[in-house]
């Protein structure tokens, strides 16, 4: 006859359910594996049909035709996609926490508009035509607008509402300037049409080298702001009670978002939606804790960007659709679904 063990003993011998922290850590590991697979797909798949053997040969053995396609084109744009995707996701997550608005993105504070206006100015009035030339103008334009938004938003007395209003007003003015210049200068219109869509196809070793220090610095700064941003997200009074320095946290958050988004926009053009959707989607299963949101956004944003880039290369062979078009077409319906979900977490 079998004797059932006491409830206390069953509780001790039964395997403990996984904690939420363990589930999040496992999910982060799975996200890394997915990112590796997508990066490999980005190297293996392109507008030019190459077999896996040819890709392997070009990557490790050949410096000729296969090497030019695989290393100079696909590998470079994959690396840039990893960097730019992580930067856009991180900057979006930081801005959503800073403004306490789950629908905020890098465009909300005028950073994309500042970069675009600076590139138009460089192309039209200074004769700059190469990506390695106007990358610095894009970054300086983004940085200048970020500083202006911070100043107009109240500087030491900045609030989420003031920052959002200042960014919206500056964006409207700059996009008006951008359209006016492109309409009156057909040469600028032709050169800017490709850049403003957002693309990884102009990736080169020179471009990556130029923006890499900004990606690294912005990423480290953003990840280091997770704890103070958690306090700020609880409201100003609660944050002060917890000892958080509101002005310092907001200033550093603006700096991190500007550096990250400015570098990504300078290298790839203004790619929309990645910094908006990914942090919002991540929040739906991590909760509001930025110590988890920021790492997840850093990993999953490149998955979206590189995945969209691969789709753009395949659907229009032998040509390709720019990644900015694909992210908008694919991400829009997904984002609408996430917004309508009842379990979507709020800030």
Protein backbone atom coordinates (compact mmCIF):
# COMPACT_ATOMS: atom_id res chain seq x y z
CA UNK A 1 0.00 0.00 0.00
CA UNK A 2 1.35 3.34 -1.01
CA UNK A 3 1.39 6.00 1.64
CA UNK A 4 1.10 9.57 0.44
CA UNK A 5 3.75 11.86 1.83
CA UNK A 6 2.77 14.78 4.00
CA UNK A 7 2.09 18.08 2.23
CA UNK A 8 5.16 19.65 3.83
CA UNK A 9 7.43 16.94 2.43
CA UNK A 10 5.87 17.17 -1.03
CA UNK A 11 6.47 20.91 -1.00
CA UNK A 12 10.13 20.36 -0.12
CA UNK A 13 10.79 17.68 -2.74
CA UNK A 14 8.84 19.22 -5.63
CA UNK A 15 10.95 21.31 -7.99
CA UNK A 16 10.65 25.00 -7.25
CA UNK A 17 8.91 26.99 -9.96
CA UNK A 18 11.26 29.21 -11.96
CA UNK A 19 11.48 32.74 -10.62
CA UNK A 20 10.68 35.69 -12.79
CA UNK A 21 14.34 36.67 -12.76
CA UNK A 22 15.33 33.26 -14.12
CA UNK A 23 12.69 33.48 -16.83
CA UNK A 24 13.94 36.92 -17.85
CA UNK A 25 17.54 35.70 -17.92
CA UNK A 26 16.55 32.71 -20.04
CA UNK A 27 14.63 34.98 -22.38
CA UNK A 28 17.69 37.21 -22.71
CA UNK A 29 19.80 34.20 -23.66
CA UNK A 30 17.24 33.14 -26.25
CA UNK A 31 17.24 36.69 -27.62
CA UNK A 32 21.03 36.54 -28.04
CA UNK A 33 20.73 33.26 -29.94
CA UNK A 34 18.06 34.74 -32.20
CA UNK A 35 20.29 37.74 -32.85
CA UNK A 36 23.19 35.47 -33.84
CA UNK A 37 20.93 33.58 -36.26
CA UNK A 38 19.62 36.78 -37.83
CA UNK A 39 23.16 38.16 -38.18
CA UNK A 40 24.24 34.96 -39.93
CA UNK A 41 21.22 35.21 -42.23
CA UNK A 42 22.20 38.81 -43.02
CA UNK A 43 25.63 37.60 -44.13
CA UNK A 44 24.32 34.57 -46.05
CA UNK A 45 21.34 36.14 -47.83
CA UNK A 46 21.49 39.06 -50.20
CA UNK A 47 20.17 40.59 -53.40
CA UNK A 48 22.88 38.67 -55.24
CA UNK A 49 22.20 34.95 -55.12
CA UNK A 50 25.19 33.15 -53.62
CA UNK A 51 25.28 29.61 -52.30
CA UNK A 52 26.35 28.93 -48.72
CA UNK A 53 29.59 27.50 -50.08
CA UNK A 54 30.28 30.69 -52.00
CA UNK A 55 29.48 32.77 -48.92
CA UNK A 56 31.86 30.70 -46.81
CA UNK A 57 34.55 30.92 -49.49
CA UNK A 58 34.15 34.69 -49.78
CA UNK A 59 34.15 35.19 -46.03
CA UNK A 60 37.25 33.18 -45.16
CA UNK A 61 39.24 32.39 -48.31
CA UNK A 62 38.54 34.64 -51.27
CA UNK A 63 39.46 38.29 -51.69
CA UNK A 64 38.00 38.45 -55.21
CA UNK A 65 34.39 38.66 -56.33
CA UNK A 66 32.89 36.62 -53.51
CA UNK A 67 35.02 38.41 -50.94
CA UNK A 68 33.91 41.81 -52.24
CA UNK A 69 30.24 40.85 -51.97
CA UNK A 70 30.34 39.01 -48.65
CA UNK A 71 32.93 40.98 -46.69
CA UNK A 72 32.76 44.47 -48.15
CA UNK A 73 28.99 44.56 -48.56
CA UNK A 74 27.13 42.05 -46.41
CA UNK A 75 29.48 41.86 -43.42
CA UNK A 76 29.83 45.64 -43.19
CA UNK A 77 26.09 46.26 -43.35
CA UNK A 78 25.49 43.50 -40.81
CA UNK A 79 27.89 45.11 -38.35
CA UNK A 80 26.32 48.51 -38.95
CA UNK A 81 22.86 47.00 -38.52
CA UNK A 82 23.88 45.51 -35.17
CA UNK A 83 25.23 48.85 -33.96
CA UNK A 84 22.44 51.04 -35.33
CA UNK A 85 19.68 48.70 -34.19
CA UNK A 86 21.03 48.58 -30.64
CA UNK A 87 21.43 52.36 -30.62
CA UNK A 88 17.87 53.02 -31.84
CA UNK A 89 16.36 50.54 -29.38
CA UNK A 90 18.32 51.91 -26.43
CA UNK A 91 17.59 55.53 -27.27
CA UNK A 92 13.89 54.75 -27.65
CA UNK A 93 13.76 52.97 -24.29
CA UNK A 94 15.58 55.83 -22.57
CA UNK A 95 13.30 58.46 -24.11
CA UNK A 96 10.17 56.53 -23.18
CA UNK A 97 11.37 56.41 -19.59
CA UNK A 98 12.49 60.04 -19.63
CA UNK A 99 9.18 61.37 -20.98
CA UNK A 100 7.08 58.70 -19.22
CA UNK A 101 5.44 58.09 -22.58
CA UNK A 102 5.40 54.48 -23.91
CA UNK A 103 4.86 55.81 -27.44
CA UNK A 104 7.91 58.07 -27.46
CA UNK A 105 10.70 57.52 -29.96
CA UNK A 106 13.91 59.34 -30.99
CA UNK A 107 11.91 61.53 -33.37
CA UNK A 108 9.88 62.95 -30.48
CA UNK A 109 12.73 65.17 -29.29
CA UNK A 110 13.70 66.34 -32.78
CA UNK A 111 16.95 64.36 -32.97
CA UNK A 112 16.15 62.81 -36.36
CA UNK A 113 15.03 66.18 -37.69
CA UNK A 114 18.25 67.83 -36.54
CA UNK A 115 20.39 65.22 -38.26
CA UNK A 116 18.36 65.43 -41.47
CA UNK A 117 18.48 69.23 -41.57
CA UNK A 118 22.24 69.21 -41.05
CA UNK A 119 22.76 66.73 -43.90
CA UNK A 120 20.57 68.78 -46.25
CA UNK A 121 22.60 71.87 -45.38
CA UNK A 122 25.89 70.06 -45.96
CA UNK A 123 24.79 68.66 -49.33
CA UNK A 124 23.14 71.82 -50.63
CA UNK A 125 25.42 74.60 -49.43
CA UNK A 126 28.75 72.91 -48.71
CA UNK A 127 28.92 70.40 -51.54
CA UNK A 128 29.35 67.35 -49.28
CA UNK A 129 28.21 64.21 -51.09
CA UNK A 130 29.81 61.13 -49.50
CA UNK A 131 28.42 59.34 -46.42
CA UNK A 132 31.82 59.60 -44.72
CA UNK A 133 31.61 63.34 -45.23
CA UNK A 134 28.13 64.14 -44.03
CA UNK A 135 28.12 61.64 -41.15
CA UNK A 136 29.69 64.31 -38.97
CA UNK A 137 27.14 66.93 -40.02
CA UNK A 138 24.32 64.54 -39.15
CA UNK A 139 25.78 63.86 -35.76
CA UNK A 140 26.42 67.53 -35.02
CA UNK A 141 22.87 68.40 -36.10
CA UNK A 142 21.43 65.76 -33.79
CA UNK A 143 23.61 66.94 -30.90
CA UNK A 144 22.73 70.60 -31.47
CA UNK A 145 18.99 69.88 -31.49
CA UNK A 146 19.30 67.69 -28.40
CA UNK A 147 21.00 70.55 -26.55
CA UNK A 148 18.41 73.05 -27.80
CA UNK A 149 15.52 70.84 -26.70
CA UNK A 150 17.11 70.52 -23.27
CA UNK A 151 17.52 74.30 -23.04
CA UNK A 152 13.99 75.11 -24.22
CA UNK A 153 12.55 72.34 -22.06
CA UNK A 154 13.61 74.18 -18.96
CA UNK A 155 17.20 72.97 -18.50
CA UNK A 156 17.51 72.50 -14.74
CA UNK A 157 13.72 72.56 -14.38
CA UNK A 158 13.03 70.30 -17.34
CA UNK A 159 9.92 68.12 -17.23
CA UNK A 160 8.76 65.34 -19.59
CA UNK A 161 5.98 67.53 -21.00
CA UNK A 162 8.30 70.48 -21.67
CA UNK A 163 10.87 68.30 -23.36
CA UNK A 164 8.25 66.65 -25.59
CA UNK A 165 6.69 69.99 -26.56
CA UNK A 166 10.08 71.55 -27.32
CA UNK A 167 11.10 68.56 -29.42
CA UNK A 168 7.83 68.58 -31.38
CA UNK A 169 8.08 72.30 -32.12
CA UNK A 170 11.69 72.08 -33.28
CA UNK A 171 10.95 69.01 -35.42
CA UNK A 172 8.14 70.84 -37.22
CA UNK A 173 10.36 73.84 -37.93
CA UNK A 174 13.30 71.74 -39.15
CA UNK A 175 11.21 69.52 -41.39
CA UNK A 176 9.72 72.66 -42.93
CA UNK A 177 13.25 73.90 -43.63
CA UNK A 178 14.23 70.50 -45.04
CA UNK A 179 11.29 70.39 -47.44
CA UNK A 180 11.84 73.97 -48.57
CA UNK A 181 15.49 73.34 -49.43
CA UNK A 182 14.81 70.08 -51.28
CA UNK A 183 11.96 71.58 -53.31
CA UNK A 184 14.08 74.55 -54.44
CA UNK A 185 17.21 72.46 -55.12
CA UNK A 186 16.63 69.44 -57.34
CA UNK A 187 20.19 68.21 -56.90
CA UNK A 188 19.74 68.13 -53.14
CA UNK A 189 16.40 66.37 -53.59
CA UNK A 190 18.00 63.60 -55.63
CA UNK A 191 20.83 63.06 -53.16
CA UNK A 192 18.63 63.23 -50.09
CA UNK A 193 15.86 60.96 -51.36
CA UNK A 194 17.96 57.85 -50.74
CA UNK A 195 19.33 58.96 -47.37
CA UNK A 196 16.02 60.06 -45.83
CA UNK A 197 14.43 56.63 -46.39
CA UNK A 198 16.94 54.95 -44.08
CA UNK A 199 19.33 52.31 -45.38
CA UNK A 200 22.22 50.05 -44.40
CA UNK A 201 23.51 49.66 -47.95
CA UNK A 202 25.99 52.55 -47.64
CA UNK A 203 27.84 50.79 -44.82
CA UNK A 204 31.62 50.93 -45.13
CA UNK A 205 34.51 50.27 -42.78
CA UNK A 206 35.15 54.01 -42.70
CA UNK A 207 31.58 54.85 -41.66
CA UNK A 208 31.57 52.17 -38.95
CA UNK A 209 34.91 53.35 -37.59
CA UNK A 210 33.72 56.94 -37.44
CA UNK A 211 30.56 56.26 -35.45
CA UNK A 212 31.73 53.29 -33.34
CA UNK A 213 33.08 55.41 -30.42
CA UNK A 214 29.73 57.18 -30.15
CA UNK A 215 27.83 53.89 -30.16
CA UNK A 216 30.04 52.51 -27.37
CA UNK A 217 29.90 55.66 -25.23
CA UNK A 218 26.14 56.08 -25.63
CA UNK A 219 25.44 52.42 -24.87
CA UNK A 220 27.50 52.42 -21.68
CA UNK A 221 25.88 55.66 -20.52
CA UNK A 222 22.34 54.44 -21.27
CA UNK A 223 22.81 51.09 -19.52
CA UNK A 224 24.24 52.87 -16.49
CA UNK A 225 21.08 54.98 -16.18
CA UNK A 226 18.74 52.04 -15.57
CA UNK A 227 18.45 52.47 -11.80
CA UNK A 228 18.00 56.27 -11.69
CA UNK A 229 15.50 56.11 -14.57
CA UNK A 230 13.52 53.52 -12.60
CA UNK A 231 13.22 56.08 -9.83
CA UNK A 232 12.28 58.90 -12.23
CA UNK A 233 9.57 56.72 -13.77
CA UNK A 234 7.81 56.61 -10.39
CA UNK A 235 7.20 60.35 -10.46
CA UNK A 236 9.17 63.37 -9.37
CA UNK A 237 8.16 63.29 -5.71
CA UNK A 238 8.90 59.60 -5.30
CA UNK A 239 12.20 59.96 -7.15
CA UNK A 240 13.28 62.76 -4.82
CA UNK A 241 12.27 60.70 -1.81
CA UNK A 242 14.46 57.88 -3.10
CA UNK A 243 17.39 60.26 -3.41
CA UNK A 244 17.46 60.50 -7.21
CA UNK A 245 18.91 63.63 -8.80
CA UNK A 246 16.19 64.47 -11.33
CA UNK A 247 18.05 67.12 -13.29
CA UNK A 248 21.23 65.06 -13.51
CA UNK A 249 19.32 61.95 -14.60
CA UNK A 250 17.35 63.83 -17.25
CA UNK A 251 20.43 65.61 -18.57
CA UNK A 252 22.39 62.36 -18.87
CA UNK A 253 19.39 60.62 -20.44
CA UNK A 254 19.12 63.37 -23.05
CA UNK A 255 22.84 63.06 -23.70
CA UNK A 256 22.69 59.26 -24.08
CA UNK A 257 19.68 59.36 -26.40
CA UNK A 258 21.21 62.12 -28.50
CA UNK A 259 24.55 60.35 -28.88
CA UNK A 260 22.93 57.01 -29.76
CA UNK A 261 20.26 58.28 -32.11
CA UNK A 262 22.60 60.84 -33.64
CA UNK A 263 25.19 58.21 -34.45
CA UNK A 264 22.60 55.80 -35.90
CA UNK A 265 20.96 58.52 -37.99
CA UNK A 266 24.30 59.79 -39.20
CA UNK A 267 25.34 56.34 -40.41
CA UNK A 268 22.04 55.02 -41.79
CA UNK A 269 19.64 57.91 -42.19
CA UNK A 270 16.48 58.42 -40.11
CA UNK A 271 15.11 54.89 -39.64
CA UNK A 272 11.75 55.15 -37.95
CA UNK A 273 9.80 52.77 -35.76
CA UNK A 274 12.61 50.60 -34.34
CA UNK A 275 13.12 52.82 -31.29
CA UNK A 276 9.36 53.05 -30.83
CA UNK A 277 8.16 49.47 -31.16
CA UNK A 278 10.91 47.32 -29.67
CA UNK A 279 11.08 48.92 -26.18
CA UNK A 280 7.30 48.96 -26.08
CA UNK A 281 7.11 45.29 -27.04
CA UNK A 282 9.84 44.36 -24.57
CA UNK A 283 8.01 46.10 -21.75
CA UNK A 284 5.01 43.84 -22.31
CA UNK A 285 6.88 40.81 -20.95
CA UNK A 286 9.67 42.30 -18.80
CA UNK A 287 7.51 44.77 -16.92
CA UNK A 288 8.61 48.36 -16.24
CA UNK A 289 12.05 47.56 -14.79
CA UNK A 290 14.61 49.30 -16.99
CA UNK A 291 17.37 47.01 -15.74
CA UNK A 292 15.74 44.42 -18.01
CA UNK A 293 14.17 46.64 -20.65
CA UNK A 294 17.47 48.22 -21.72
CA UNK A 295 19.39 44.95 -22.27
CA UNK A 296 16.44 43.38 -24.07
CA UNK A 297 16.05 46.44 -26.31
CA UNK A 298 19.78 46.38 -27.05
CA UNK A 299 19.55 42.81 -28.32
CA UNK A 300 16.12 42.66 -29.97
CA UNK A 301 16.29 45.97 -31.86
CA UNK A 302 19.09 44.71 -34.13
CA UNK A 303 17.00 41.57 -34.70
CA UNK A 304 14.20 43.73 -36.11
CA UNK A 305 16.53 45.96 -38.13
CA UNK A 306 18.62 43.17 -39.65
CA UNK A 307 15.56 41.01 -40.25
CA UNK A 308 13.88 43.84 -42.12
CA UNK A 309 17.06 44.42 -44.11
CA UNK A 310 17.19 40.75 -45.16
CA UNK A 311 13.53 40.87 -46.22
CA UNK A 312 14.21 44.00 -48.26
CA UNK A 313 17.04 42.28 -50.12
CA UNK A 314 14.94 39.23 -50.98
CA UNK A 315 11.53 40.61 -52.00
CA UNK A 316 12.82 42.90 -54.76
CA UNK A 317 15.70 40.89 -56.26
CA UNK A 318 17.90 41.81 -58.04
CA UNK A 319 17.18 45.25 -56.57
CA UNK A 320 16.29 45.82 -52.92
CA UNK A 321 13.90 47.77 -50.72
CA UNK A 322 15.46 50.03 -48.14
CA UNK A 323 15.28 48.89 -44.54
CA UNK A 324 13.37 51.99 -43.46
CA UNK A 325 10.51 51.02 -45.77
CA UNK A 326 10.37 47.45 -44.47
CA UNK A 327 10.40 48.45 -40.79
CA UNK A 328 7.44 50.73 -41.40
CA UNK A 329 5.45 48.19 -43.44
CA UNK A 330 6.09 45.25 -41.12
CA UNK A 331 6.19 47.07 -37.82
CA UNK A 332 3.03 49.15 -38.15
CA UNK A 333 0.52 46.29 -37.85
CA UNK A 334 2.61 44.62 -35.14
CA UNK A 335 2.68 47.80 -33.12
CA UNK A 336 -1.08 48.27 -33.45
CA UNK A 337 -1.54 44.72 -32.14
CA UNK A 338 0.72 45.43 -29.15
CA UNK A 339 -1.07 48.66 -28.31
CA UNK A 340 -4.44 46.89 -28.31
CA UNK A 341 -3.30 44.06 -26.06
CA UNK A 342 -4.81 44.31 -22.61
CA UNK A 343 -1.65 43.02 -20.94
CA UNK A 344 0.64 45.65 -22.45
CA UNK A 345 2.58 47.16 -19.56
CA UNK A 346 2.37 50.87 -18.87
CA UNK A 347 5.12 53.15 -17.74
